[in-house]
C-alpha cells in the first residue's frame, strides 16, 4: 500500500511518463505543488511573526496606558439630549461634560454615559496626561484575543493569496492548452471533415 501511495505522490509532483502529458501540464503540476509546499512552510512562520507583532504592539499600548488617570467628569447635558449609537454603542448616550485634566486645565468633550444620566451628575472617566478622554484599557484577555486573530488571520490571508496565484496559473495553463488544441485542430480538422 505504501509504495503505491509514494508512486501517486511522485506522479503528482514530478509527473508521470505519459507521452500525452504536455510540458504545460507538468509545469502546472509543479506550480501547484510548489504553492502547497510554500503554504506549509510559510503559514506557521507567518503565524508566529504575526503574534509577535501584535504582542509587541499590545505591550506598547499597555505602556502608553500606564499614564492614564481616572478623573471625575460633570455632565453638562442629559442623556436624552446626547448622541445615541456613536461608535456602535446603542446602550450608551454620548453627552458633553467637563473635567479637570491632570495638569489642572479644564477640559470639555463627549463622554459615554447610561441612557438615564442627568445633567450635573458626575461620572468617572479615564484621561491621558493631557486630559483627553480615553477608551477602555487593553486587558490581558483582549490582548490574547488579538493574538489569536493574528495567528489565524495571517495564514488565512496567505492561503487566499496563494489560491489567487493558483487560479491565475490554472487560467494561464488552460489558455495555453486551448491555444495548442486550436492550432492542432486547424491542422488535423480538415482531414477529418468531408467538406472540401
N, C-alpha and C. Protein backbone atom coordinates (compact mmCIF):
# COMPACT_ATOMS: atom_id res chain seq x y z
N UNK A 1 0.83 -1.20 0.00
CA UNK A 1 0.00 0.00 0.00
C UNK A 1 0.86 1.25 0.00
N UNK A 2 1.92 1.22 0.81
CA UNK A 2 2.79 2.39 0.92
C UNK A 2 3.51 2.70 -0.39
N UNK A 3 4.05 1.73 -1.13
CA UNK A 3 4.70 2.05 -2.41
C UNK A 3 3.74 2.68 -3.41
N UNK A 4 2.48 2.23 -3.42
CA UNK A 4 1.51 2.82 -4.34
C UNK A 4 1.25 4.27 -3.99
N UNK A 5 1.16 4.57 -2.71
CA UNK A 5 0.93 5.95 -2.27
C UNK A 5 2.11 6.83 -2.66
N UNK A 6 3.34 6.30 -2.49
CA UNK A 6 4.52 7.07 -2.86
C UNK A 6 4.58 7.29 -4.37
N UNK A 7 4.17 6.29 -5.14
CA UNK A 7 4.14 6.46 -6.59
C UNK A 7 3.13 7.52 -6.99
N UNK A 8 1.99 7.52 -6.31
CA UNK A 8 0.97 8.52 -6.61
C UNK A 8 1.48 9.93 -6.30
N UNK A 9 2.16 10.09 -5.16
CA UNK A 9 2.72 11.39 -4.79
C UNK A 9 3.77 11.80 -5.81
N UNK A 10 4.63 10.86 -6.23
CA UNK A 10 5.66 11.17 -7.22
C UNK A 10 5.04 11.60 -8.54
N UNK A 11 3.94 10.93 -8.95
CA UNK A 11 3.29 11.31 -10.20
C UNK A 11 2.67 12.70 -10.11
N UNK A 12 2.12 13.02 -8.95
CA UNK A 12 1.51 14.34 -8.79
C UNK A 12 2.57 15.43 -8.83
N UNK A 13 3.69 15.21 -8.11
CA UNK A 13 4.72 16.24 -8.01
C UNK A 13 5.60 16.28 -9.26
N UNK A 14 6.14 15.14 -9.66
CA UNK A 14 7.10 15.12 -10.76
C UNK A 14 6.48 14.82 -12.11
N UNK A 15 5.25 14.35 -12.11
CA UNK A 15 4.63 13.98 -13.37
C UNK A 15 4.96 12.54 -13.71
N UNK A 16 4.17 11.97 -14.57
CA UNK A 16 4.43 10.59 -14.97
C UNK A 16 5.07 10.57 -16.35
N UNK A 17 5.24 9.39 -16.88
CA UNK A 17 5.88 9.25 -18.19
C UNK A 17 4.85 9.17 -19.31
N UNK A 18 3.69 9.68 -19.09
CA UNK A 18 2.63 9.65 -20.09
C UNK A 18 3.05 10.51 -21.28
N UNK A 19 3.10 9.94 -22.48
CA UNK A 19 3.53 10.72 -23.65
C UNK A 19 2.51 11.79 -24.04
N UNK A 20 1.27 11.66 -23.59
CA UNK A 20 0.26 12.66 -23.91
C UNK A 20 0.33 13.87 -22.99
N UNK A 21 1.07 13.74 -21.91
CA UNK A 21 1.19 14.86 -20.97
C UNK A 21 2.11 15.91 -21.59
N UNK A 22 1.58 17.12 -21.72
CA UNK A 22 2.36 18.21 -22.32
C UNK A 22 3.23 18.87 -21.26
N UNK A 23 4.16 19.68 -21.75
CA UNK A 23 5.04 20.40 -20.82
C UNK A 23 4.25 21.36 -19.94
N UNK A 24 3.18 21.95 -20.50
CA UNK A 24 2.38 22.88 -19.71
C UNK A 24 1.68 22.16 -18.57
N UNK A 25 1.31 20.89 -18.78
CA UNK A 25 0.69 20.10 -17.72
C UNK A 25 1.69 19.84 -16.60
N UNK A 26 2.91 19.49 -16.99
CA UNK A 26 3.95 19.25 -15.99
C UNK A 26 4.28 20.53 -15.22
N UNK A 27 4.35 21.64 -15.95
CA UNK A 27 4.63 22.92 -15.30
C UNK A 27 3.52 23.30 -14.33
N UNK A 28 2.27 23.09 -14.74
CA UNK A 28 1.14 23.41 -13.86
C UNK A 28 1.18 22.55 -12.59
N UNK A 29 1.48 21.28 -12.73
CA UNK A 29 1.59 20.40 -11.56
C UNK A 29 2.70 20.86 -10.63
N UNK A 30 3.82 21.26 -11.21
CA UNK A 30 4.94 21.74 -10.39
C UNK A 30 4.59 23.02 -9.66
N UNK A 31 3.88 23.94 -10.34
CA UNK A 31 3.48 25.20 -9.70
C UNK A 31 2.53 24.93 -8.55
N UNK A 32 1.53 24.06 -8.76
CA UNK A 32 0.56 23.75 -7.70
C UNK A 32 1.25 23.09 -6.51
N UNK A 33 2.15 22.16 -6.77
CA UNK A 33 2.88 21.52 -5.68
C UNK A 33 3.75 22.53 -4.94
N UNK A 34 4.36 23.45 -5.68
CA UNK A 34 5.18 24.48 -5.05
C UNK A 34 4.35 25.40 -4.16
N UNK A 35 3.14 25.72 -4.61
CA UNK A 35 2.27 26.58 -3.80
C UNK A 35 1.85 25.88 -2.51
N UNK A 36 1.56 24.60 -2.59
CA UNK A 36 1.20 23.85 -1.38
C UNK A 36 2.38 23.80 -0.42
N UNK A 37 3.56 23.53 -0.94
CA UNK A 37 4.76 23.48 -0.09
C UNK A 37 5.04 24.86 0.51
N UNK A 38 4.87 25.90 -0.29
CA UNK A 38 5.08 27.27 0.21
C UNK A 38 4.12 27.57 1.36
N UNK A 39 2.87 27.15 1.23
CA UNK A 39 1.92 27.39 2.32
C UNK A 39 2.32 26.61 3.57
N UNK A 40 2.68 25.35 3.39
CA UNK A 40 3.03 24.52 4.56
C UNK A 40 4.26 25.05 5.29
N UNK A 41 5.18 25.67 4.56
CA UNK A 41 6.38 26.22 5.19
C UNK A 41 6.11 27.62 5.75
N UNK A 42 5.45 28.46 4.97
CA UNK A 42 5.29 29.86 5.36
C UNK A 42 4.19 30.11 6.38
N UNK A 43 3.14 29.32 6.38
CA UNK A 43 2.00 29.58 7.27
C UNK A 43 2.40 29.58 8.74
N UNK A 44 3.11 28.57 9.23
CA UNK A 44 3.50 28.61 10.66
C UNK A 44 4.43 29.78 10.98
N UNK A 45 5.37 30.07 10.08
CA UNK A 45 6.28 31.18 10.31
C UNK A 45 5.53 32.51 10.32
N UNK A 46 4.58 32.65 9.41
CA UNK A 46 3.78 33.87 9.34
C UNK A 46 2.91 34.03 10.58
N UNK A 47 2.35 32.91 11.08
CA UNK A 47 1.52 32.97 12.28
C UNK A 47 2.34 33.42 13.48
N UNK A 48 3.54 32.87 13.63
CA UNK A 48 4.41 33.25 14.75
C UNK A 48 4.81 34.72 14.64
N UNK A 49 5.15 35.16 13.44
CA UNK A 49 5.55 36.56 13.25
C UNK A 49 4.38 37.50 13.54
N UNK A 50 3.18 37.13 13.10
CA UNK A 50 2.00 37.98 13.35
C UNK A 50 1.71 38.09 14.83
N UNK A 51 1.84 36.98 15.56
CA UNK A 51 1.60 37.01 17.01
C UNK A 51 2.64 37.88 17.69
N UNK A 52 3.89 37.80 17.27
CA UNK A 52 4.93 38.63 17.88
C UNK A 52 4.69 40.11 17.61
N UNK A 53 4.26 40.45 16.41
CA UNK A 53 3.98 41.85 16.07
C UNK A 53 2.82 42.37 16.91
N UNK A 54 1.75 41.59 17.01
CA UNK A 54 0.59 42.01 17.79
C UNK A 54 0.94 42.11 19.26
N UNK A 55 1.74 41.18 19.75
CA UNK A 55 2.15 41.20 21.15
C UNK A 55 3.00 42.44 21.45
N UNK A 56 3.91 42.78 20.56
CA UNK A 56 4.74 43.98 20.75
C UNK A 56 3.89 45.24 20.71
N UNK A 57 2.93 45.29 19.79
CA UNK A 57 2.03 46.45 19.72
C UNK A 57 1.19 46.55 20.98
N UNK A 58 0.75 45.40 21.50
CA UNK A 58 -0.01 45.39 22.74
C UNK A 58 0.82 45.88 23.92
N UNK A 59 2.09 45.48 23.97
CA UNK A 59 2.97 45.94 25.06
C UNK A 59 3.16 47.45 24.99
N UNK A 60 3.31 47.99 23.77
CA UNK A 60 3.43 49.45 23.63
C UNK A 60 2.15 50.14 24.07
N UNK A 61 1.01 49.56 23.74
CA UNK A 61 -0.28 50.15 24.12
C UNK A 61 -0.46 50.12 25.64
N UNK A 62 -0.09 49.02 26.27
CA UNK A 62 -0.18 48.93 27.74
C UNK A 62 0.76 49.94 28.39
N UNK A 63 1.95 50.11 27.83
CA UNK A 63 2.89 51.09 28.38
C UNK A 63 2.33 52.50 28.26
N UNK A 64 1.68 52.80 27.13
CA UNK A 64 1.09 54.13 26.95
C UNK A 64 -0.09 54.33 27.90
N UNK A 65 -0.79 53.26 28.20
CA UNK A 65 -1.95 53.35 29.08
C UNK A 65 -1.56 53.51 30.55
N UNK A 66 -0.31 53.25 30.88
CA UNK A 66 0.11 53.36 32.28
C UNK A 66 0.04 54.80 32.78
N UNK A 67 0.05 55.76 31.88
CA UNK A 67 -0.03 57.17 32.29
C UNK A 67 -1.49 57.66 32.38
N UNK A 68 -2.44 56.83 31.99
CA UNK A 68 -3.84 57.23 32.07
C UNK A 68 -4.26 57.34 33.53
N UNK A 69 -5.12 58.30 33.82
CA UNK A 69 -5.58 58.52 35.20
C UNK A 69 -7.09 58.65 35.24
N UNK A 70 -7.71 58.18 36.33
CA UNK A 70 -9.15 58.39 36.46
C UNK A 70 -9.45 59.82 36.90
N UNK A 71 -10.51 60.39 36.36
CA UNK A 71 -10.95 61.74 36.72
C UNK A 71 -12.47 61.72 36.85
N UNK A 72 -13.00 62.68 37.57
CA UNK A 72 -14.44 62.85 37.72
C UNK A 72 -14.90 63.91 36.72
N UNK A 73 -15.89 63.56 35.91
CA UNK A 73 -16.44 64.49 34.92
C UNK A 73 -17.86 64.85 35.32
N UNK A 74 -18.19 66.11 35.17
CA UNK A 74 -19.55 66.59 35.46
C UNK A 74 -20.29 66.74 34.14
N UNK A 75 -21.44 66.08 34.04
CA UNK A 75 -22.23 66.12 32.81
C UNK A 75 -22.88 67.48 32.66
N UNK A 76 -22.85 68.04 31.47
CA UNK A 76 -23.50 69.32 31.19
C UNK A 76 -24.71 69.13 30.29
N UNK A 77 -25.14 67.87 30.13
CA UNK A 77 -26.22 67.55 29.21
C UNK A 77 -26.91 66.27 29.71
N UNK A 78 -28.22 66.18 29.54
CA UNK A 78 -28.95 64.96 29.86
C UNK A 78 -28.67 63.90 28.80
N UNK A 79 -28.82 62.64 29.18
CA UNK A 79 -28.59 61.54 28.25
C UNK A 79 -29.57 61.60 27.08
N UNK A 80 -30.78 62.08 27.34
CA UNK A 80 -31.78 62.16 26.27
C UNK A 80 -31.37 63.14 25.18
N UNK A 81 -30.56 64.14 25.52
CA UNK A 81 -30.13 65.13 24.54
C UNK A 81 -28.81 64.74 23.87
N UNK A 82 -28.23 63.63 24.30
CA UNK A 82 -26.94 63.20 23.74
C UNK A 82 -27.09 62.44 22.44
N UNK A 83 -25.97 61.91 21.98
CA UNK A 83 -25.92 61.16 20.73
C UNK A 83 -25.93 59.68 21.07
N UNK A 84 -26.93 58.97 20.60
CA UNK A 84 -27.04 57.53 20.87
C UNK A 84 -26.56 56.78 19.63
N UNK A 85 -25.81 55.73 19.84
CA UNK A 85 -25.34 54.92 18.73
C UNK A 85 -23.99 55.32 18.19
N UNK A 86 -23.33 56.30 18.80
CA UNK A 86 -22.00 56.71 18.34
C UNK A 86 -21.01 55.59 18.64
N UNK A 87 -20.16 55.27 17.69
CA UNK A 87 -19.19 54.17 17.80
C UNK A 87 -19.88 52.82 17.98
N UNK A 88 -21.13 52.71 17.56
CA UNK A 88 -21.84 51.43 17.64
C UNK A 88 -22.36 51.09 19.02
N UNK A 89 -22.31 52.02 19.96
CA UNK A 89 -22.80 51.76 21.32
C UNK A 89 -24.24 52.22 21.42
N UNK A 90 -25.17 51.29 21.31
CA UNK A 90 -26.59 51.63 21.34
C UNK A 90 -27.13 51.69 22.76
N UNK A 91 -26.38 51.21 23.74
CA UNK A 91 -26.84 51.25 25.12
C UNK A 91 -26.21 52.40 25.89
N UNK A 92 -25.59 53.32 25.19
CA UNK A 92 -24.96 54.48 25.83
C UNK A 92 -25.30 55.74 25.06
N UNK A 93 -25.28 56.84 25.77
CA UNK A 93 -25.51 58.14 25.15
C UNK A 93 -24.24 58.96 25.33
N UNK A 94 -23.80 59.60 24.27
CA UNK A 94 -22.61 60.45 24.33
C UNK A 94 -23.07 61.88 24.61
N UNK A 95 -22.69 62.40 25.78
CA UNK A 95 -23.11 63.74 26.20
C UNK A 95 -21.88 64.59 26.47
N UNK A 96 -22.09 65.92 26.48
CA UNK A 96 -20.99 66.83 26.80
C UNK A 96 -20.76 66.84 28.30
N UNK A 97 -19.51 66.98 28.67
CA UNK A 97 -19.13 67.02 30.09
C UNK A 97 -17.89 67.88 30.23
N UNK A 98 -17.59 68.24 31.48
CA UNK A 98 -16.34 68.97 31.76
C UNK A 98 -15.63 68.26 32.90
N UNK A 99 -14.30 68.34 32.86
CA UNK A 99 -13.48 67.72 33.88
C UNK A 99 -12.17 68.47 33.97
N UNK A 100 -11.42 68.18 35.00
CA UNK A 100 -10.12 68.82 35.21
C UNK A 100 -9.04 67.85 34.78
N UNK A 101 -8.15 68.30 33.92
CA UNK A 101 -7.04 67.48 33.44
C UNK A 101 -6.00 67.33 34.54
N UNK A 102 -5.10 66.35 34.44
CA UNK A 102 -4.05 66.18 35.45
C UNK A 102 -3.18 67.42 35.62
N UNK A 103 -3.06 68.24 34.56
CA UNK A 103 -2.25 69.46 34.68
C UNK A 103 -3.04 70.64 35.24
N UNK A 104 -4.33 70.43 35.60
CA UNK A 104 -5.16 71.46 36.21
C UNK A 104 -6.04 72.22 35.25
N UNK A 105 -5.89 72.03 33.97
CA UNK A 105 -6.71 72.74 32.97
C UNK A 105 -8.10 72.11 32.89
N UNK A 106 -9.10 72.95 32.65
CA UNK A 106 -10.47 72.45 32.49
C UNK A 106 -10.65 71.99 31.06
N UNK A 107 -11.21 70.80 30.91
CA UNK A 107 -11.43 70.20 29.58
C UNK A 107 -12.93 70.00 29.36
N UNK A 108 -13.34 70.04 28.11
CA UNK A 108 -14.73 69.78 27.71
C UNK A 108 -14.69 68.73 26.60
N UNK A 109 -15.70 67.88 26.57
CA UNK A 109 -15.77 66.89 25.50
C UNK A 109 -16.94 65.96 25.69
N UNK A 110 -17.00 64.93 24.83
CA UNK A 110 -18.06 63.94 24.89
C UNK A 110 -17.62 62.74 25.70
N UNK A 111 -18.53 62.25 26.56
CA UNK A 111 -18.28 61.03 27.33
C UNK A 111 -19.50 60.12 27.18
N UNK A 112 -19.27 58.82 27.27
CA UNK A 112 -20.36 57.85 27.17
C UNK A 112 -20.96 57.63 28.56
N UNK A 113 -22.28 57.72 28.65
CA UNK A 113 -22.98 57.51 29.92
C UNK A 113 -24.19 56.62 29.65
N UNK A 114 -24.80 56.14 30.73
CA UNK A 114 -26.02 55.34 30.62
C UNK A 114 -27.16 56.19 30.08
N UNK A 115 -28.19 55.53 29.60
CA UNK A 115 -29.30 56.23 28.96
C UNK A 115 -30.18 57.01 29.95
N UNK A 116 -29.93 56.84 31.26
CA UNK A 116 -30.72 57.55 32.25
C UNK A 116 -29.93 58.64 32.97
N UNK A 117 -28.76 59.02 32.46
CA UNK A 117 -27.92 60.03 33.11
C UNK A 117 -28.55 61.41 32.99
N UNK A 118 -28.28 62.24 34.01
CA UNK A 118 -28.86 63.60 34.06
C UNK A 118 -27.75 64.64 34.11
N UNK A 119 -28.09 65.83 33.68
CA UNK A 119 -27.15 66.96 33.73
C UNK A 119 -26.77 67.24 35.18
N UNK A 120 -25.48 67.52 35.42
CA UNK A 120 -24.98 67.80 36.76
C UNK A 120 -24.46 66.56 37.48
N UNK A 121 -24.77 65.41 36.96
CA UNK A 121 -24.29 64.15 37.55
C UNK A 121 -22.80 64.00 37.28
N UNK A 122 -22.06 63.36 38.19
CA UNK A 122 -20.62 63.13 37.96
C UNK A 122 -20.41 61.66 37.63
N UNK A 123 -19.51 61.43 36.69
CA UNK A 123 -19.14 60.07 36.29
C UNK A 123 -17.62 59.98 36.26
N UNK A 124 -17.11 58.78 36.42
CA UNK A 124 -15.66 58.58 36.37
C UNK A 124 -15.24 58.26 34.95
N UNK A 125 -14.23 58.97 34.46
CA UNK A 125 -13.67 58.71 33.14
C UNK A 125 -12.17 58.53 33.30
N UNK A 126 -11.54 58.01 32.29
CA UNK A 126 -10.09 57.86 32.26
C UNK A 126 -9.54 58.82 31.23
N UNK A 127 -8.50 59.56 31.61
CA UNK A 127 -7.94 60.56 30.71
C UNK A 127 -6.44 60.35 30.56
N UNK A 128 -5.90 60.91 29.47
CA UNK A 128 -4.46 60.88 29.24
C UNK A 128 -3.79 61.97 30.06
N UNK A 129 -2.47 62.09 29.92
CA UNK A 129 -1.72 63.14 30.64
C UNK A 129 -2.19 64.52 30.23
N UNK A 130 -2.65 64.67 28.98
CA UNK A 130 -3.11 65.98 28.50
C UNK A 130 -4.58 66.23 28.81
N UNK A 131 -5.26 65.25 29.40
CA UNK A 131 -6.65 65.43 29.78
C UNK A 131 -7.66 64.94 28.76
N UNK A 132 -7.20 64.28 27.69
CA UNK A 132 -8.13 63.77 26.67
C UNK A 132 -8.75 62.46 27.15
N UNK A 133 -10.07 62.30 26.98
CA UNK A 133 -10.70 61.04 27.42
C UNK A 133 -10.23 59.87 26.57
N UNK A 134 -10.18 58.71 27.20
CA UNK A 134 -9.69 57.51 26.52
C UNK A 134 -10.77 56.45 26.53
N UNK A 135 -10.50 55.37 25.84
CA UNK A 135 -11.39 54.21 25.85
C UNK A 135 -11.01 53.29 27.00
N UNK A 136 -11.44 52.06 26.90
CA UNK A 136 -11.11 51.09 27.93
C UNK A 136 -9.65 50.67 27.78
N UNK A 137 -9.08 50.29 28.91
CA UNK A 137 -7.70 49.79 28.89
C UNK A 137 -7.66 48.42 28.22
N UNK A 138 -6.53 48.12 27.60
CA UNK A 138 -6.35 46.82 26.97
C UNK A 138 -6.14 45.78 28.06
N UNK A 139 -7.03 44.80 28.11
CA UNK A 139 -6.93 43.75 29.12
C UNK A 139 -6.09 42.59 28.58
N UNK A 140 -5.72 41.70 29.47
CA UNK A 140 -4.96 40.52 29.06
C UNK A 140 -5.80 39.67 28.10
N UNK A 141 -7.10 39.55 28.40
CA UNK A 141 -7.99 38.78 27.53
C UNK A 141 -8.10 39.44 26.15
N UNK A 142 -8.14 40.77 26.12
CA UNK A 142 -8.19 41.48 24.85
C UNK A 142 -6.94 41.26 24.03
N UNK A 143 -5.79 41.24 24.70
CA UNK A 143 -4.53 41.00 24.00
C UNK A 143 -4.47 39.58 23.46
N UNK A 144 -4.92 38.62 24.25
CA UNK A 144 -4.93 37.22 23.79
C UNK A 144 -5.87 37.08 22.59
N UNK A 145 -7.00 37.76 22.63
CA UNK A 145 -7.94 37.71 21.50
C UNK A 145 -7.29 38.26 20.24
N UNK A 146 -6.58 39.37 20.36
CA UNK A 146 -5.87 39.93 19.21
C UNK A 146 -4.83 38.97 18.67
N UNK A 147 -4.10 38.31 19.57
CA UNK A 147 -3.06 37.36 19.15
C UNK A 147 -3.66 36.16 18.42
N UNK A 148 -4.80 35.66 18.92
CA UNK A 148 -5.46 34.53 18.26
C UNK A 148 -5.93 34.93 16.87
N UNK A 149 -6.52 36.12 16.77
CA UNK A 149 -6.98 36.60 15.46
C UNK A 149 -5.80 36.72 14.48
N UNK A 150 -4.67 37.23 14.99
CA UNK A 150 -3.49 37.36 14.14
C UNK A 150 -2.95 35.99 13.74
N UNK A 151 -2.93 35.04 14.69
CA UNK A 151 -2.40 33.71 14.41
C UNK A 151 -3.25 32.96 13.39
N UNK A 152 -4.54 33.23 13.37
CA UNK A 152 -5.43 32.57 12.41
C UNK A 152 -5.54 33.38 11.12
N UNK A 153 -5.59 34.69 11.26
CA UNK A 153 -5.80 35.56 10.10
C UNK A 153 -4.64 35.60 9.13
N UNK A 154 -3.41 35.61 9.65
CA UNK A 154 -2.25 35.70 8.76
C UNK A 154 -2.13 34.48 7.84
N UNK A 155 -2.22 33.24 8.37
CA UNK A 155 -2.19 32.10 7.45
C UNK A 155 -3.40 32.05 6.51
N UNK A 156 -4.56 32.51 7.01
CA UNK A 156 -5.74 32.53 6.14
C UNK A 156 -5.53 33.50 4.98
N UNK A 157 -4.94 34.67 5.27
CA UNK A 157 -4.66 35.63 4.20
C UNK A 157 -3.65 35.06 3.22
N UNK A 158 -2.65 34.34 3.74
CA UNK A 158 -1.67 33.69 2.86
C UNK A 158 -2.36 32.65 1.98
N UNK A 159 -3.27 31.88 2.55
CA UNK A 159 -3.99 30.86 1.78
C UNK A 159 -4.80 31.50 0.66
N UNK A 160 -5.45 32.63 0.96
CA UNK A 160 -6.22 33.32 -0.07
C UNK A 160 -5.29 33.82 -1.18
N UNK A 161 -4.16 34.40 -0.79
CA UNK A 161 -3.21 34.90 -1.78
C UNK A 161 -2.69 33.77 -2.68
N UNK A 162 -2.32 32.64 -2.05
CA UNK A 162 -1.81 31.52 -2.84
C UNK A 162 -2.91 30.91 -3.70
N UNK A 163 -4.16 30.93 -3.23
CA UNK A 163 -5.27 30.43 -4.05
C UNK A 163 -5.47 31.30 -5.28
N UNK A 164 -5.32 32.61 -5.12
CA UNK A 164 -5.44 33.52 -6.26
C UNK A 164 -4.32 33.23 -7.27
N UNK A 165 -3.10 33.02 -6.75
CA UNK A 165 -1.98 32.69 -7.64
C UNK A 165 -2.24 31.37 -8.35
N UNK A 166 -2.78 30.38 -7.62
CA UNK A 166 -3.08 29.08 -8.23
C UNK A 166 -4.13 29.22 -9.32
N UNK A 167 -5.15 30.02 -9.06
CA UNK A 167 -6.19 30.23 -10.08
C UNK A 167 -5.62 30.93 -11.30
N UNK A 168 -4.74 31.89 -11.09
CA UNK A 168 -4.12 32.59 -12.22
C UNK A 168 -3.24 31.64 -13.02
N UNK A 169 -2.49 30.78 -12.33
CA UNK A 169 -1.64 29.81 -13.03
C UNK A 169 -2.50 28.82 -13.81
N UNK A 170 -3.60 28.39 -13.19
CA UNK A 170 -4.50 27.45 -13.88
C UNK A 170 -5.11 28.09 -15.12
N UNK A 171 -5.53 29.34 -15.00
CA UNK A 171 -6.13 30.04 -16.14
C UNK A 171 -5.11 30.22 -17.27
N UNK A 172 -3.86 30.56 -16.90
CA UNK A 172 -2.83 30.72 -17.93
C UNK A 172 -2.53 29.38 -18.60
N UNK A 173 -2.49 28.30 -17.81
CA UNK A 173 -2.24 26.98 -18.40
C UNK A 173 -3.40 26.57 -19.31
N UNK A 174 -4.62 26.83 -18.89
CA UNK A 174 -5.78 26.49 -19.72
C UNK A 174 -5.78 27.28 -21.02
N UNK A 175 -5.41 28.57 -20.95
CA UNK A 175 -5.35 29.39 -22.15
C UNK A 175 -4.29 28.83 -23.11
N UNK A 176 -3.17 28.41 -22.54
CA UNK A 176 -2.10 27.84 -23.37
C UNK A 176 -2.54 26.52 -24.00
N UNK A 177 -3.23 25.67 -23.21
CA UNK A 177 -3.72 24.39 -23.74
C UNK A 177 -4.74 24.62 -24.86
N UNK A 178 -5.65 25.56 -24.64
CA UNK A 178 -6.67 25.84 -25.66
C UNK A 178 -6.02 26.35 -26.94
N UNK A 179 -4.98 27.17 -26.79
CA UNK A 179 -4.26 27.64 -27.98
C UNK A 179 -3.62 26.50 -28.74
N UNK A 180 -3.03 25.56 -27.99
CA UNK A 180 -2.40 24.40 -28.63
C UNK A 180 -3.44 23.51 -29.30
N UNK A 181 -4.55 23.29 -28.63
CA UNK A 181 -5.61 22.46 -29.23
C UNK A 181 -6.20 23.12 -30.48
N UNK A 182 -6.33 24.44 -30.45
CA UNK A 182 -6.87 25.15 -31.62
C UNK A 182 -5.91 25.01 -32.81
N UNK A 183 -4.61 25.16 -32.53
CA UNK A 183 -3.63 25.00 -33.62
C UNK A 183 -3.63 23.58 -34.15
N UNK A 184 -3.70 22.61 -33.26
CA UNK A 184 -3.70 21.21 -33.70
C UNK A 184 -4.96 20.90 -34.51
N UNK A 185 -6.09 21.42 -34.08
CA UNK A 185 -7.32 21.16 -34.82
C UNK A 185 -7.31 21.84 -36.18
N UNK A 186 -6.67 23.00 -36.26
CA UNK A 186 -6.56 23.69 -37.55
C UNK A 186 -5.78 22.84 -38.55
N UNK A 187 -4.84 22.05 -38.05
CA UNK A 187 -4.04 21.19 -38.93
C UNK A 187 -4.79 19.91 -39.25
N UNK A 188 -5.35 19.25 -38.22
CA UNK A 188 -5.96 17.92 -38.42
C UNK A 188 -7.45 17.96 -38.70
N UNK A 189 -8.11 19.05 -38.38
CA UNK A 189 -9.56 19.13 -38.59
C UNK A 189 -10.00 18.93 -40.02
N UNK A 190 -9.34 19.57 -40.99
CA UNK A 190 -9.76 19.39 -42.39
C UNK A 190 -9.62 17.95 -42.88
N UNK A 191 -8.72 17.18 -42.31
CA UNK A 191 -8.55 15.79 -42.73
C UNK A 191 -9.73 14.94 -42.27
N UNK A 192 -10.39 15.35 -41.18
CA UNK A 192 -11.50 14.57 -40.63
C UNK A 192 -12.82 14.99 -41.23
N UNK A 193 -12.84 16.12 -41.84
CA UNK A 193 -14.10 16.64 -42.37
C UNK A 193 -14.30 16.16 -43.79
N UNK A 194 -15.58 15.94 -44.14
CA UNK A 194 -15.88 15.51 -45.51
C UNK A 194 -16.03 16.71 -46.44
N UNK A 195 -16.07 17.90 -45.87
CA UNK A 195 -16.20 19.11 -46.69
C UNK A 195 -14.89 19.41 -47.39
N UNK A 196 -14.95 19.76 -48.64
CA UNK A 196 -13.72 20.05 -49.36
C UNK A 196 -13.81 21.38 -50.02
